[in-house]
């Protein structure tokens, strides 16, 4: 009887951890896309100083989130996004404002693509 209860507890724990992990994955990438859209809107409105501050905040935020995601997703997909965000910051710092909107679009598409790759879906399991 004790083994059955232990097995049930382990099974429920694994399912719970998996569900919470997927929720965290979706929330993190959703927030990344929202933050990028906000920076893009600031660039469109030509508020480059504020966009620079928000980009630096997003870079630090992503570094923290990346550490958490790498516990369960040790993929280069997680590591590559920090380079794209740093590139966006570089465009703002070097006053290459034409590239800011392009870079934001690239980050949004890349984040959506990486979420599609990393999320638990039947096609990804096969």
N, C-alpha and C. Protein backbone atom coordinates (compact mmCIF):
# COMPACT_ATOMS: atom_id res chain seq x y z
N UNK A 1 0.83 -1.20 0.00
CA UNK A 1 0.00 0.00 0.00
C UNK A 1 0.86 1.26 0.00
N UNK A 2 1.95 1.24 0.76
CA UNK A 2 2.85 2.39 0.83
C UNK A 2 3.51 2.68 -0.49
N UNK A 3 3.82 1.63 -1.26
CA UNK A 3 4.45 1.83 -2.57
C UNK A 3 3.48 2.48 -3.56
N UNK A 4 2.24 2.10 -3.48
CA UNK A 4 1.24 2.69 -4.38
C UNK A 4 1.06 4.17 -4.06
N UNK A 5 1.00 4.51 -2.80
CA UNK A 5 0.85 5.92 -2.42
C UNK A 5 2.08 6.71 -2.84
N UNK A 6 3.27 6.13 -2.64
CA UNK A 6 4.50 6.80 -3.07
C UNK A 6 4.51 6.99 -4.58
N UNK A 7 4.10 5.99 -5.33
CA UNK A 7 4.06 6.10 -6.79
C UNK A 7 3.08 7.18 -7.23
N UNK A 8 1.93 7.25 -6.58
CA UNK A 8 0.92 8.27 -6.92
C UNK A 8 1.47 9.67 -6.62
N UNK A 9 2.13 9.81 -5.47
CA UNK A 9 2.70 11.11 -5.11
C UNK A 9 3.78 11.53 -6.11
N UNK A 10 4.62 10.61 -6.48
CA UNK A 10 5.66 10.91 -7.47
C UNK A 10 5.04 11.27 -8.81
N UNK A 11 4.05 10.52 -9.24
CA UNK A 11 3.37 10.80 -10.51
C UNK A 11 2.72 12.17 -10.51
N UNK A 12 2.00 12.51 -9.47
CA UNK A 12 1.34 13.80 -9.36
C UNK A 12 2.37 14.93 -9.31
N UNK A 13 3.48 14.68 -8.62
CA UNK A 13 4.54 15.69 -8.55
C UNK A 13 5.15 15.95 -9.93
N UNK A 14 5.38 14.91 -10.69
CA UNK A 14 5.94 15.06 -12.03
C UNK A 14 4.98 15.83 -12.94
N UNK A 15 3.71 15.47 -12.90
CA UNK A 15 2.71 16.17 -13.72
C UNK A 15 2.60 17.63 -13.30
N UNK A 16 2.58 17.89 -12.00
CA UNK A 16 2.48 19.27 -11.51
C UNK A 16 3.69 20.09 -11.93
N UNK A 17 4.88 19.54 -11.79
CA UNK A 17 6.09 20.23 -12.19
C UNK A 17 6.07 20.53 -13.70
N UNK A 18 5.64 19.58 -14.49
CA UNK A 18 5.57 19.78 -15.93
C UNK A 18 4.59 20.87 -16.32
N UNK A 19 3.43 20.88 -15.69
CA UNK A 19 2.43 21.91 -15.99
C UNK A 19 2.93 23.28 -15.57
N UNK A 20 3.48 23.39 -14.37
CA UNK A 20 4.01 24.68 -13.90
C UNK A 20 5.16 25.17 -14.78
N UNK A 21 5.98 24.24 -15.25
CA UNK A 21 7.08 24.59 -16.14
C UNK A 21 6.56 25.16 -17.45
N UNK A 22 5.53 24.55 -18.00
CA UNK A 22 4.95 25.04 -19.26
C UNK A 22 4.29 26.40 -19.07
N UNK A 23 3.62 26.60 -17.94
CA UNK A 23 3.00 27.89 -17.65
C UNK A 23 4.09 28.97 -17.56
N UNK A 24 5.17 28.65 -16.86
CA UNK A 24 6.28 29.59 -16.74
C UNK A 24 6.89 29.91 -18.11
N UNK A 25 7.06 28.90 -18.94
CA UNK A 25 7.62 29.09 -20.28
C UNK A 25 6.74 30.04 -21.10
N UNK A 26 5.45 29.79 -21.11
CA UNK A 26 4.53 30.63 -21.88
C UNK A 26 4.47 32.05 -21.33
N UNK A 27 4.44 32.18 -20.01
CA UNK A 27 4.41 33.52 -19.40
C UNK A 27 5.68 34.30 -19.69
N UNK A 28 6.83 33.65 -19.59
CA UNK A 28 8.10 34.32 -19.81
C UNK A 28 8.22 34.82 -21.24
N UNK A 29 7.93 33.97 -22.20
CA UNK A 29 8.04 34.39 -23.60
C UNK A 29 6.96 35.42 -23.95
N UNK A 30 5.78 35.29 -23.35
CA UNK A 30 4.73 36.30 -23.55
C UNK A 30 5.16 37.66 -23.03
N UNK A 31 5.78 37.68 -21.85
CA UNK A 31 6.27 38.94 -21.30
C UNK A 31 7.40 39.52 -22.15
N UNK A 32 8.26 38.66 -22.68
CA UNK A 32 9.34 39.14 -23.54
C UNK A 32 8.77 39.83 -24.78
N UNK A 33 7.77 39.22 -25.37
CA UNK A 33 7.14 39.81 -26.55
C UNK A 33 6.47 41.13 -26.19
N UNK A 34 5.79 41.19 -25.05
CA UNK A 34 5.14 42.44 -24.62
C UNK A 34 6.16 43.54 -24.38
N UNK A 35 7.26 43.23 -23.71
CA UNK A 35 8.30 44.22 -23.44
C UNK A 35 8.91 44.72 -24.75
N UNK A 36 9.11 43.81 -25.69
CA UNK A 36 9.67 44.19 -26.98
C UNK A 36 8.71 45.08 -27.75
N UNK A 37 7.42 44.77 -27.70
CA UNK A 37 6.43 45.61 -28.38
C UNK A 37 6.41 47.02 -27.78
N UNK A 38 6.57 47.11 -26.46
CA UNK A 38 6.61 48.42 -25.81
C UNK A 38 7.82 49.22 -26.26
N UNK A 39 8.99 48.58 -26.33
CA UNK A 39 10.20 49.26 -26.79
C UNK A 39 10.04 49.67 -28.25
N UNK A 40 9.43 48.82 -29.04
CA UNK A 40 9.20 49.15 -30.45
C UNK A 40 8.30 50.38 -30.58
N UNK A 41 7.26 50.44 -29.75
CA UNK A 41 6.37 51.60 -29.79
C UNK A 41 7.10 52.87 -29.36
N UNK A 42 7.98 52.75 -28.38
CA UNK A 42 8.79 53.91 -27.97
C UNK A 42 9.68 54.38 -29.12
N UNK A 43 10.23 53.44 -29.87
CA UNK A 43 11.07 53.79 -31.01
C UNK A 43 10.25 54.45 -32.11
N UNK A 44 9.06 53.95 -32.33
CA UNK A 44 8.18 54.56 -33.34
C UNK A 44 7.83 55.99 -32.93
N UNK A 45 7.62 56.19 -31.64
CA UNK A 45 7.29 57.52 -31.11
C UNK A 45 8.54 58.40 -30.95
N UNK A 46 9.70 57.86 -31.32
CA UNK A 46 10.99 58.55 -31.25
C UNK A 46 11.37 58.94 -29.83
N UNK A 47 11.00 58.13 -28.88
CA UNK A 47 11.41 58.31 -27.48
C UNK A 47 12.59 57.37 -27.23
N UNK A 48 13.73 57.70 -27.83
CA UNK A 48 14.87 56.80 -27.83
C UNK A 48 15.54 56.66 -26.46
N UNK A 49 15.56 57.74 -25.68
CA UNK A 49 16.16 57.65 -24.35
C UNK A 49 15.38 56.67 -23.47
N UNK A 50 14.07 56.78 -23.51
CA UNK A 50 13.22 55.88 -22.73
C UNK A 50 13.33 54.45 -23.27
N UNK A 51 13.43 54.32 -24.58
CA UNK A 51 13.60 52.99 -25.19
C UNK A 51 14.91 52.36 -24.73
N UNK A 52 15.96 53.17 -24.61
CA UNK A 52 17.25 52.67 -24.14
C UNK A 52 17.18 52.17 -22.71
N UNK A 53 16.49 52.92 -21.86
CA UNK A 53 16.32 52.51 -20.46
C UNK A 53 15.52 51.22 -20.39
N UNK A 54 14.44 51.15 -21.14
CA UNK A 54 13.60 49.94 -21.12
C UNK A 54 14.34 48.73 -21.68
N UNK A 55 15.19 48.95 -22.67
CA UNK A 55 15.96 47.84 -23.24
C UNK A 55 16.95 47.30 -22.22
N UNK A 56 17.60 48.18 -21.49
CA UNK A 56 18.54 47.73 -20.45
C UNK A 56 17.79 46.96 -19.35
N UNK A 57 16.61 47.43 -18.99
CA UNK A 57 15.78 46.71 -18.01
C UNK A 57 15.41 45.34 -18.54
N UNK A 58 15.02 45.29 -19.82
CA UNK A 58 14.62 44.01 -20.41
C UNK A 58 15.81 43.05 -20.48
N UNK A 59 16.99 43.56 -20.75
CA UNK A 59 18.18 42.72 -20.81
C UNK A 59 18.47 42.10 -19.44
N UNK A 60 18.40 42.87 -18.39
CA UNK A 60 18.62 42.35 -17.05
C UNK A 60 17.51 41.37 -16.65
N UNK A 61 16.28 41.71 -17.01
CA UNK A 61 15.15 40.82 -16.73
C UNK A 61 15.34 39.47 -17.42
N UNK A 62 15.75 39.51 -18.70
CA UNK A 62 15.92 38.27 -19.45
C UNK A 62 17.05 37.42 -18.87
N UNK A 63 18.12 38.07 -18.41
CA UNK A 63 19.22 37.30 -17.82
C UNK A 63 18.74 36.51 -16.61
N UNK A 64 17.88 37.08 -15.80
CA UNK A 64 17.32 36.36 -14.65
C UNK A 64 16.40 35.24 -15.11
N UNK A 65 15.54 35.54 -16.04
CA UNK A 65 14.60 34.52 -16.55
C UNK A 65 15.36 33.40 -17.26
N UNK A 66 16.42 33.76 -17.97
CA UNK A 66 17.21 32.77 -18.69
C UNK A 66 17.79 31.75 -17.73
N UNK A 67 18.29 32.21 -16.59
CA UNK A 67 18.85 31.29 -15.60
C UNK A 67 17.81 30.28 -15.13
N UNK A 68 16.60 30.73 -14.94
CA UNK A 68 15.51 29.84 -14.50
C UNK A 68 15.15 28.86 -15.62
N UNK A 69 15.01 29.37 -16.84
CA UNK A 69 14.61 28.50 -17.96
C UNK A 69 15.68 27.47 -18.29
N UNK A 70 16.95 27.81 -18.09
CA UNK A 70 18.01 26.87 -18.43
C UNK A 70 18.04 25.65 -17.51
N UNK A 71 17.33 25.72 -16.39
CA UNK A 71 17.24 24.54 -15.53
C UNK A 71 16.50 23.41 -16.21
N UNK A 72 15.47 23.77 -16.98
CA UNK A 72 14.66 22.74 -17.64
C UNK A 72 14.81 22.73 -19.16
N UNK A 73 15.39 23.77 -19.72
CA UNK A 73 15.57 23.85 -21.17
C UNK A 73 17.01 24.21 -21.49
N UNK A 74 17.92 23.26 -21.41
CA UNK A 74 19.32 23.58 -21.68
C UNK A 74 19.61 23.64 -23.18
N UNK A 75 18.99 24.59 -23.83
CA UNK A 75 19.12 24.70 -25.27
C UNK A 75 19.76 26.03 -25.64
N UNK A 76 20.36 26.05 -26.79
CA UNK A 76 20.93 27.30 -27.29
C UNK A 76 19.85 28.32 -27.60
N UNK A 77 18.61 27.85 -27.80
CA UNK A 77 17.52 28.78 -28.09
C UNK A 77 17.34 29.78 -26.96
N UNK A 78 17.53 29.35 -25.74
CA UNK A 78 17.38 30.23 -24.59
C UNK A 78 18.55 31.21 -24.54
N UNK A 79 19.73 30.74 -24.82
CA UNK A 79 20.94 31.56 -24.72
C UNK A 79 21.03 32.60 -25.83
N UNK A 80 20.49 32.31 -26.99
CA UNK A 80 20.61 33.22 -28.14
C UNK A 80 19.84 34.52 -27.97
N UNK A 81 18.77 34.49 -27.22
CA UNK A 81 17.95 35.70 -27.10
C UNK A 81 18.67 36.84 -26.40
N UNK A 82 19.56 36.53 -25.48
CA UNK A 82 20.29 37.60 -24.80
C UNK A 82 21.16 38.36 -25.80
N UNK A 83 21.66 37.68 -26.81
CA UNK A 83 22.46 38.34 -27.84
C UNK A 83 21.58 39.29 -28.66
N UNK A 84 20.39 38.87 -28.99
CA UNK A 84 19.49 39.72 -29.76
C UNK A 84 19.06 40.96 -28.98
N UNK A 85 18.82 40.79 -27.68
CA UNK A 85 18.45 41.94 -26.86
C UNK A 85 19.63 42.89 -26.70
N UNK A 86 20.83 42.34 -26.54
CA UNK A 86 22.03 43.18 -26.45
C UNK A 86 22.27 43.92 -27.77
N UNK A 87 21.96 43.27 -28.88
CA UNK A 87 22.09 43.92 -30.18
C UNK A 87 21.11 45.08 -30.30
N UNK A 88 19.89 44.90 -29.82
CA UNK A 88 18.91 45.97 -29.79
C UNK A 88 19.43 47.14 -28.96
N UNK A 89 19.98 46.83 -27.80
CA UNK A 89 20.56 47.87 -26.95
C UNK A 89 21.71 48.58 -27.68
N UNK A 90 22.51 47.83 -28.39
CA UNK A 90 23.61 48.42 -29.15
C UNK A 90 23.13 49.38 -30.23
N UNK A 91 22.04 49.04 -30.89
CA UNK A 91 21.48 49.93 -31.90
C UNK A 91 21.02 51.26 -31.28
N UNK A 92 20.44 51.17 -30.11
CA UNK A 92 19.96 52.39 -29.44
C UNK A 92 21.14 53.23 -28.98
N UNK A 93 22.13 52.59 -28.36
CA UNK A 93 23.29 53.32 -27.84
C UNK A 93 24.07 53.99 -28.96
N UNK A 94 24.18 53.31 -30.09
CA UNK A 94 24.95 53.86 -31.22
C UNK A 94 24.12 54.73 -32.16
N UNK A 95 22.90 55.05 -31.73
CA UNK A 95 22.00 55.93 -32.50
C UNK A 95 21.66 55.40 -33.89
N UNK A 96 21.60 54.09 -34.03
CA UNK A 96 21.17 53.47 -35.28
C UNK A 96 19.68 53.17 -35.17
N UNK A 97 18.90 54.23 -35.11
CA UNK A 97 17.48 54.10 -34.79
C UNK A 97 16.68 53.40 -35.88
N UNK A 98 17.19 53.40 -37.11
CA UNK A 98 16.49 52.69 -38.18
C UNK A 98 16.47 51.18 -37.93
N UNK A 99 17.48 50.70 -37.24
CA UNK A 99 17.58 49.26 -36.98
C UNK A 99 16.81 48.81 -35.74
N UNK A 100 16.35 49.75 -34.92
CA UNK A 100 15.68 49.40 -33.67
C UNK A 100 14.38 48.66 -33.95
N UNK A 101 13.57 49.19 -34.84
CA UNK A 101 12.28 48.56 -35.13
C UNK A 101 12.49 47.19 -35.78
N UNK A 102 13.44 47.11 -36.67
CA UNK A 102 13.78 45.82 -37.29
C UNK A 102 14.19 44.82 -36.23
N UNK A 103 15.04 45.24 -35.30
CA UNK A 103 15.53 44.36 -34.26
C UNK A 103 14.38 43.91 -33.34
N UNK A 104 13.47 44.81 -33.03
CA UNK A 104 12.31 44.45 -32.20
C UNK A 104 11.46 43.40 -32.90
N UNK A 105 11.21 43.60 -34.17
CA UNK A 105 10.43 42.61 -34.92
C UNK A 105 11.12 41.25 -34.93
N UNK A 106 12.43 41.28 -35.07
CA UNK A 106 13.20 40.04 -35.10
C UNK A 106 13.11 39.33 -33.75
N UNK A 107 13.23 40.08 -32.65
CA UNK A 107 13.14 39.47 -31.31
C UNK A 107 11.76 38.87 -31.09
N UNK A 108 10.71 39.58 -31.49
CA UNK A 108 9.35 39.06 -31.31
C UNK A 108 9.14 37.76 -32.08
N UNK A 109 9.57 37.75 -33.33
CA UNK A 109 9.40 36.54 -34.15
C UNK A 109 10.24 35.40 -33.62
N UNK A 110 11.47 35.71 -33.21
CA UNK A 110 12.35 34.68 -32.69
C UNK A 110 11.80 34.10 -31.38
N UNK A 111 11.27 34.96 -30.52
CA UNK A 111 10.69 34.49 -29.26
C UNK A 111 9.48 33.60 -29.51
N UNK A 112 8.62 33.99 -30.45
CA UNK A 112 7.45 33.17 -30.78
C UNK A 112 7.89 31.83 -31.36
N UNK A 113 8.91 31.83 -32.19
CA UNK A 113 9.41 30.60 -32.78
C UNK A 113 10.03 29.69 -31.73
N UNK A 114 10.81 30.26 -30.82
CA UNK A 114 11.44 29.46 -29.78
C UNK A 114 10.40 28.88 -28.81
N UNK A 115 9.36 29.65 -28.53
CA UNK A 115 8.28 29.13 -27.71
C UNK A 115 7.62 27.94 -28.39
N UNK A 116 7.42 28.04 -29.68
CA UNK A 116 6.83 26.94 -30.45
C UNK A 116 7.71 25.69 -30.41
N UNK A 117 9.02 25.90 -30.43
CA UNK A 117 9.95 24.77 -30.40
C UNK A 117 10.01 24.13 -29.01
N UNK A 118 10.02 24.96 -27.98
CA UNK A 118 10.23 24.45 -26.63
C UNK A 118 8.97 23.97 -25.92
N UNK A 119 7.82 24.44 -26.36
CA UNK A 119 6.57 24.07 -25.69
C UNK A 119 6.27 22.58 -25.87
N UNK A 120 5.58 22.02 -24.91
CA UNK A 120 5.20 20.62 -24.98
C UNK A 120 4.04 20.47 -25.94
N UNK A 121 4.34 19.94 -27.09
CA UNK A 121 3.34 19.68 -28.11
C UNK A 121 3.61 18.29 -28.70
N UNK A 122 2.57 17.68 -29.19
CA UNK A 122 2.73 16.32 -29.72
C UNK A 122 3.76 16.27 -30.83
N UNK A 123 3.76 17.27 -31.70
CA UNK A 123 4.71 17.28 -32.82
C UNK A 123 6.15 17.42 -32.33
N UNK A 124 6.36 18.06 -31.17
CA UNK A 124 7.71 18.23 -30.63
C UNK A 124 8.20 16.97 -29.93
N UNK A 125 7.27 16.16 -29.47
CA UNK A 125 7.64 14.93 -28.80
C UNK A 125 8.17 13.91 -29.81
N UNK A 126 7.54 13.87 -30.98
CA UNK A 126 7.97 12.93 -32.00
C UNK A 126 9.26 13.40 -32.58
